[in-house]
Amino acid sequence: MRLFTELCSSSFSYFPILRAREEAQLESVLDTFKSGLTDADAFLTKMGTGGIGDKGPFLFGDKFTLAECNAAPFVQRACAVLPSGLGSGRPVHPLALCDELGLDRLKCWMEAVLKRQSVLKTGVPEETMVKSMEKMLERFAAMENNQ
């Protein structure tokens, strides 16, 4: 479980996508993001007991574990902020990337995490996440301009 938690912190690292300003830079960070998603899918497929048509969608089947609790905010933000096109100006849809890359196990897991009632009840509304991230990016840009 700890390995998966550590893997997810890098797999769902979407901030470099938001900060990419040039197309070449965006392609590079998107490749890194896709690689992280691929690694997470491989881990879930090999190490997890759940899965498509199996006992449940989570790391350990029906059990929503600490691993999912730790990853849920990252998954929520990635799936809310990236499709907005904020920062880079290019919408990125993590679930569509899973389809594009054939990451069925990861997509199943992400959808289950995003639909989980405890995640929905404790999560921040998508519009609030996007506005908050927009303000953060503006602060970063202002700091860079002052240097």
C-alpha atoms as a PDB file:
ATOM      1  CA  MET A   1       0.000   0.000   0.000  1.00  0.00           C
ATOM      2  CA  ARG A   2       2.831   2.411   0.848  1.00  0.00           C
ATOM      3  CA  LEU A   3       4.500   1.734  -2.503  1.00  0.00           C
ATOM      4  CA  PHE A   4       1.282   2.566  -4.321  1.00  0.00           C
ATOM      5  CA  THR A   5       0.862   5.776  -2.320  1.00  0.00           C
ATOM      6  CA  GLU A   6       4.389   6.846  -3.240  1.00  0.00           C
ATOM      7  CA  LEU A   7       3.818   5.930  -6.886  1.00  0.00           C
ATOM      8  CA  CYS A   8       0.595   7.952  -7.027  1.00  0.00           C
ATOM      9  CA  SER A   9       2.231  11.112  -5.707  1.00  0.00           C
ATOM     10  CA  SER A  10       4.407  11.185  -8.810  1.00  0.00           C
ATOM     11  CA  SER A  11       1.948   9.558 -11.236  1.00  0.00           C
ATOM     12  CA  PHE A  12      -0.656  12.273 -10.758  1.00  0.00           C
ATOM     13  CA  SER A  13       1.794  15.161 -10.686  1.00  0.00           C
ATOM     14  CA  TYR A  14      -0.059  17.506 -13.005  1.00  0.00           C
ATOM     15  CA  PHE A  15       1.496  20.821 -11.931  1.00  0.00           C
ATOM     16  CA  PRO A  16       4.274  20.771 -14.588  1.00  0.00           C
ATOM     17  CA  ILE A  17       1.545  20.552 -17.251  1.00  0.00           C
ATOM     18  CA  LEU A  18      -0.056  23.714 -15.890  1.00  0.00           C
ATOM     19  CA  ARG A  19       3.263  25.545 -15.886  1.00  0.00           C
ATOM     20  CA  ALA A  20       4.314  24.554 -19.415  1.00  0.00           C
ATOM     21  CA  ARG A  21       4.392  27.606 -21.668  1.00  0.00           C
ATOM     22  CA  GLU A  22       5.930  26.293 -24.873  1.00  0.00           C
ATOM     23  CA  GLU A  23       4.636  23.391 -26.971  1.00  0.00           C
ATOM     24  CA  ALA A  24       7.894  21.405 -26.695  1.00  0.00           C
ATOM     25  CA  GLN A  25       7.879  21.789 -22.917  1.00  0.00           C
ATOM     26  CA  LEU A  26       4.217  20.767 -22.764  1.00  0.00           C
ATOM     27  CA  GLU A  27       4.880  17.649 -24.852  1.00  0.00           C
ATOM     28  CA  SER A  28       7.762  16.711 -22.571  1.00  0.00           C
ATOM     29  CA  VAL A  29       5.757  17.047 -19.343  1.00  0.00           C
ATOM     30  CA  LEU A  30       2.788  15.269 -20.937  1.00  0.00           C
ATOM     31  CA  ASP A  31       5.078  12.352 -21.798  1.00  0.00           C
ATOM     32  CA  THR A  32       6.206  12.251 -18.160  1.00  0.00           C
ATOM     33  CA  PHE A  33       2.588  12.370 -16.963  1.00  0.00           C
ATOM     34  CA  LYS A  34       1.614   9.550 -19.353  1.00  0.00           C
ATOM     35  CA  SER A  35       4.560   7.495 -18.140  1.00  0.00           C
ATOM     36  CA  GLY A  36       3.402   7.951 -14.546  1.00  0.00           C
ATOM     37  CA  LEU A  37      -0.110   6.856 -15.468  1.00  0.00           C
ATOM     38  CA  THR A  38       1.310   3.803 -17.235  1.00  0.00           C
ATOM     39  CA  ASP A  39       3.360   2.923 -14.142  1.00  0.00           C
ATOM     40  CA  ALA A  40       0.291   3.236 -11.901  1.00  0.00           C
ATOM     41  CA  ASP A  41      -1.718   0.997 -14.240  1.00  0.00           C
ATOM     42  CA  ALA A  42       1.046  -1.608 -14.253  1.00  0.00           C
ATOM     43  CA  PHE A  43       1.217  -1.561 -10.452  1.00  0.00           C
ATOM     44  CA  LEU A  44      -2.551  -1.953 -10.073  1.00  0.00           C
ATOM     45  CA  THR A  45      -2.602  -4.756 -12.625  1.00  0.00           C
ATOM     46  CA  LYS A  46       0.290  -6.669 -11.083  1.00  0.00           C
ATOM     47  CA  MET A  47      -0.085  -5.992  -7.368  1.00  0.00           C
ATOM     48  CA  GLY A  48      -3.747  -5.143  -6.849  1.00  0.00           C
ATOM     49  CA  THR A  49      -6.409  -7.695  -6.079  1.00  0.00           C
ATOM     50  CA  GLY A  50      -9.282  -5.725  -7.602  1.00  0.00           C
ATOM     51  CA  GLY A  51      -9.913  -4.938 -11.210  1.00  0.00           C
ATOM     52  CA  ILE A  52     -12.304  -5.020 -14.081  1.00  0.00           C
ATOM     53  CA  GLY A  53     -14.780  -7.838 -13.523  1.00  0.00           C
ATOM     54  CA  ASP A  54     -12.946  -8.831 -10.350  1.00  0.00           C
ATOM     55  CA  LYS A  55     -13.810  -8.378  -6.681  1.00  0.00           C
ATOM     56  CA  GLY A  56     -13.776  -4.592  -6.850  1.00  0.00           C
ATOM     57  CA  PRO A  57     -12.063  -1.641  -8.470  1.00  0.00           C
ATOM     58  CA  PHE A  58      -9.733  -0.546  -5.686  1.00  0.00           C
ATOM     59  CA  LEU A  59      -6.183  -1.608  -4.911  1.00  0.00           C
ATOM     60  CA  PHE A  60      -7.484  -4.368  -2.636  1.00  0.00           C
ATOM     61  CA  GLY A  61     -10.728  -5.173  -4.407  1.00  0.00           C
ATOM     62  CA  ASP A  62     -13.803  -3.789  -2.630  1.00  0.00           C
ATOM     63  CA  LYS A  63     -11.741  -2.224   0.144  1.00  0.00           C
ATOM     64  CA  PHE A  64     -11.227   1.532  -0.112  1.00  0.00           C
ATOM     65  CA  THR A  65      -7.863   1.766   1.625  1.00  0.00           C
ATOM     66  CA  LEU A  66      -5.490   4.416   2.888  1.00  0.00           C
ATOM     67  CA  ALA A  67      -3.845   4.241  -0.535  1.00  0.00           C
ATOM     68  CA  GLU A  68      -7.045   5.516  -2.159  1.00  0.00           C
ATOM     69  CA  CYS A  69      -7.551   8.090   0.618  1.00  0.00           C
ATOM     70  CA  ASN A  70      -4.087   9.498  -0.054  1.00  0.00           C
ATOM     71  CA  ALA A  71      -4.441   9.494  -3.829  1.00  0.00           C
ATOM     72  CA  ALA A  72      -8.029  10.758  -4.100  1.00  0.00           C
ATOM     73  CA  PRO A  73      -7.249  14.510  -3.812  1.00  0.00           C
ATOM     74  CA  PHE A  74      -4.581  14.237  -6.529  1.00  0.00           C
ATOM     75  CA  VAL A  75      -6.917  12.307  -8.809  1.00  0.00           C
ATOM     76  CA  GLN A  76      -9.731  14.795  -8.182  1.00  0.00           C
ATOM     77  CA  ARG A  77      -7.576  17.814  -8.928  1.00  0.00           C
ATOM     78  CA  ALA A  78      -5.977  16.266 -12.012  1.00  0.00           C
ATOM     79  CA  CYS A  79      -9.388  15.326 -13.402  1.00  0.00           C
ATOM     80  CA  ALA A  80     -10.854  18.770 -12.644  1.00  0.00           C
ATOM     81  CA  VAL A  81      -8.026  21.179 -13.401  1.00  0.00           C
ATOM     82  CA  LEU A  82      -6.315  19.602 -16.417  1.00  0.00           C
ATOM     83  CA  PRO A  83      -9.434  19.470 -18.639  1.00  0.00           C
ATOM     84  CA  SER A  84      -9.904  23.219 -18.069  1.00  0.00           C
ATOM     85  CA  GLY A  85      -6.780  23.971 -20.119  1.00  0.00           C
ATOM     86  CA  LEU A  86      -5.585  26.217 -17.314  1.00  0.00           C
ATOM     87  CA  GLY A  87      -1.987  27.327 -17.611  1.00  0.00           C
ATOM     88  CA  SER A  88      -0.886  25.577 -20.779  1.00  0.00           C
ATOM     89  CA  GLY A  89      -4.044  26.504 -22.670  1.00  0.00           C
ATOM     90  CA  ARG A  90      -4.469  22.895 -23.809  1.00  0.00           C
ATOM     91  CA  PRO A  91      -7.105  20.723 -22.150  1.00  0.00           C
ATOM     92  CA  VAL A  92      -5.776  17.384 -20.926  1.00  0.00           C
ATOM     93  CA  HIS A  93      -8.257  14.703 -19.879  1.00  0.00           C
ATOM     94  CA  PRO A  94      -6.669  12.056 -17.639  1.00  0.00           C
ATOM     95  CA  LEU A  95      -9.458   9.509 -18.203  1.00  0.00           C
ATOM     96  CA  ALA A  96      -9.198   9.999 -21.967  1.00  0.00           C
ATOM     97  CA  LEU A  97      -5.437   9.466 -21.688  1.00  0.00           C
ATOM     98  CA  CYS A  98      -6.184   6.147 -19.992  1.00  0.00           C
ATOM     99  CA  ASP A  99      -8.323   5.199 -23.000  1.00  0.00           C
ATOM    100  CA  GLU A 100      -5.655   6.386 -25.438  1.00  0.00           C
ATOM    101  CA  LEU A 101      -2.937   4.414 -23.675  1.00  0.00           C
ATOM    102  CA  GLY A 102      -5.031   1.298 -22.957  1.00  0.00           C
ATOM    103  CA  LEU A 103      -4.809   1.765 -19.194  1.00  0.00           C
ATOM    104  CA  ASP A 104      -8.055  -0.010 -18.390  1.00  0.00           C
ATOM    105  CA  ARG A 105      -7.167  -1.004 -14.817  1.00  0.00           C
ATOM    106  CA  LEU A 106      -6.119   2.534 -13.892  1.00  0.00           C
ATOM    107  CA  LYS A 107      -9.218   4.053 -15.490  1.00  0.00           C
ATOM    108  CA  CYS A 108     -11.454   1.641 -13.560  1.00  0.00           C
ATOM    109  CA  TRP A 109      -9.654   2.570 -10.341  1.00  0.00           C
ATOM    110  CA  MET A 110      -9.784   6.338 -11.018  1.00  0.00           C
ATOM    111  CA  GLU A 111     -13.495   6.254 -11.859  1.00  0.00           C
ATOM    112  CA  ALA A 112     -14.223   4.285  -8.686  1.00  0.00           C
ATOM    113  CA  VAL A 113     -12.201   6.724  -6.577  1.00  0.00           C
ATOM    114  CA  LEU A 114     -13.947   9.721  -8.136  1.00  0.00           C
ATOM    115  CA  LYS A 115     -17.413   8.186  -7.553  1.00  0.00           C
ATOM    116  CA  ARG A 116     -16.781   7.140  -3.964  1.00  0.00           C
ATOM    117  CA  GLN A 117     -19.261   8.925  -1.650  1.00  0.00           C
ATOM    118  CA  SER A 118     -16.639   9.806   0.960  1.00  0.00           C
ATOM    119  CA  VAL A 119     -14.477  11.365  -1.777  1.00  0.00           C
ATOM    120  CA  LEU A 120     -17.428  13.302  -3.192  1.00  0.00           C
ATOM    121  CA  LYS A 121     -18.480  14.574   0.247  1.00  0.00           C
ATOM    122  CA  THR A 122     -15.007  15.725   1.265  1.00  0.00           C
ATOM    123  CA  GLY A 123     -13.838  17.012  -2.111  1.00  0.00           C
ATOM    124  CA  VAL A 124     -13.743  20.591  -3.291  1.00  0.00           C
ATOM    125  CA  PRO A 125     -16.113  21.602  -6.112  1.00  0.00           C
ATOM    126  CA  GLU A 126     -14.401  21.543  -9.526  1.00  0.00           C
ATOM    127  CA  GLU A 127     -15.017  25.247 -10.170  1.00  0.00           C
ATOM    128  CA  THR A 128     -13.392  26.124  -6.848  1.00  0.00           C
ATOM    129  CA  MET A 129     -10.386  23.919  -7.637  1.00  0.00           C
ATOM    130  CA  VAL A 130      -9.885  25.575 -11.015  1.00  0.00           C
ATOM    131  CA  LYS A 131     -10.219  29.114  -9.602  1.00  0.00           C
ATOM    132  CA  SER A 132      -7.844  28.326  -6.756  1.00  0.00           C
ATOM    133  CA  MET A 133      -5.264  26.876  -9.129  1.00  0.00           C
ATOM    134  CA  GLU A 134      -5.643  29.883 -11.430  1.00  0.00           C
ATOM    135  CA  LYS A 135      -4.845  32.219  -8.532  1.00  0.00           C
ATOM    136  CA  MET A 136      -1.834  30.098  -7.582  1.00  0.00           C
ATOM    137  CA  LEU A 137      -0.493  30.208 -11.135  1.00  0.00           C
ATOM    138  CA  GLU A 138      -0.956  33.999 -11.181  1.00  0.00           C
ATOM    139  CA  ARG A 139       1.065  34.288  -7.961  1.00  0.00           C
ATOM    140  CA  PHE A 140       3.837  32.143  -9.422  1.00  0.00           C
ATOM    141  CA  ALA A 141       3.882  34.266 -12.593  1.00  0.00           C
ATOM    142  CA  ALA A 142       4.073  37.462 -10.526  1.00  0.00           C
ATOM    143  CA  MET A 143       6.992  36.078  -8.527  1.00  0.00           C
ATOM    144  CA  GLU A 144       8.807  35.086 -11.722  1.00  0.00           C
ATOM    145  CA  ASN A 145       8.267  38.566 -13.172  1.00  0.00           C
ATOM    146  CA  ASN A 146       9.719  40.193 -10.025  1.00  0.00           C
ATOM    147  CA  GLN A 147      12.982  38.275 -10.310  1.00  0.00           C
END
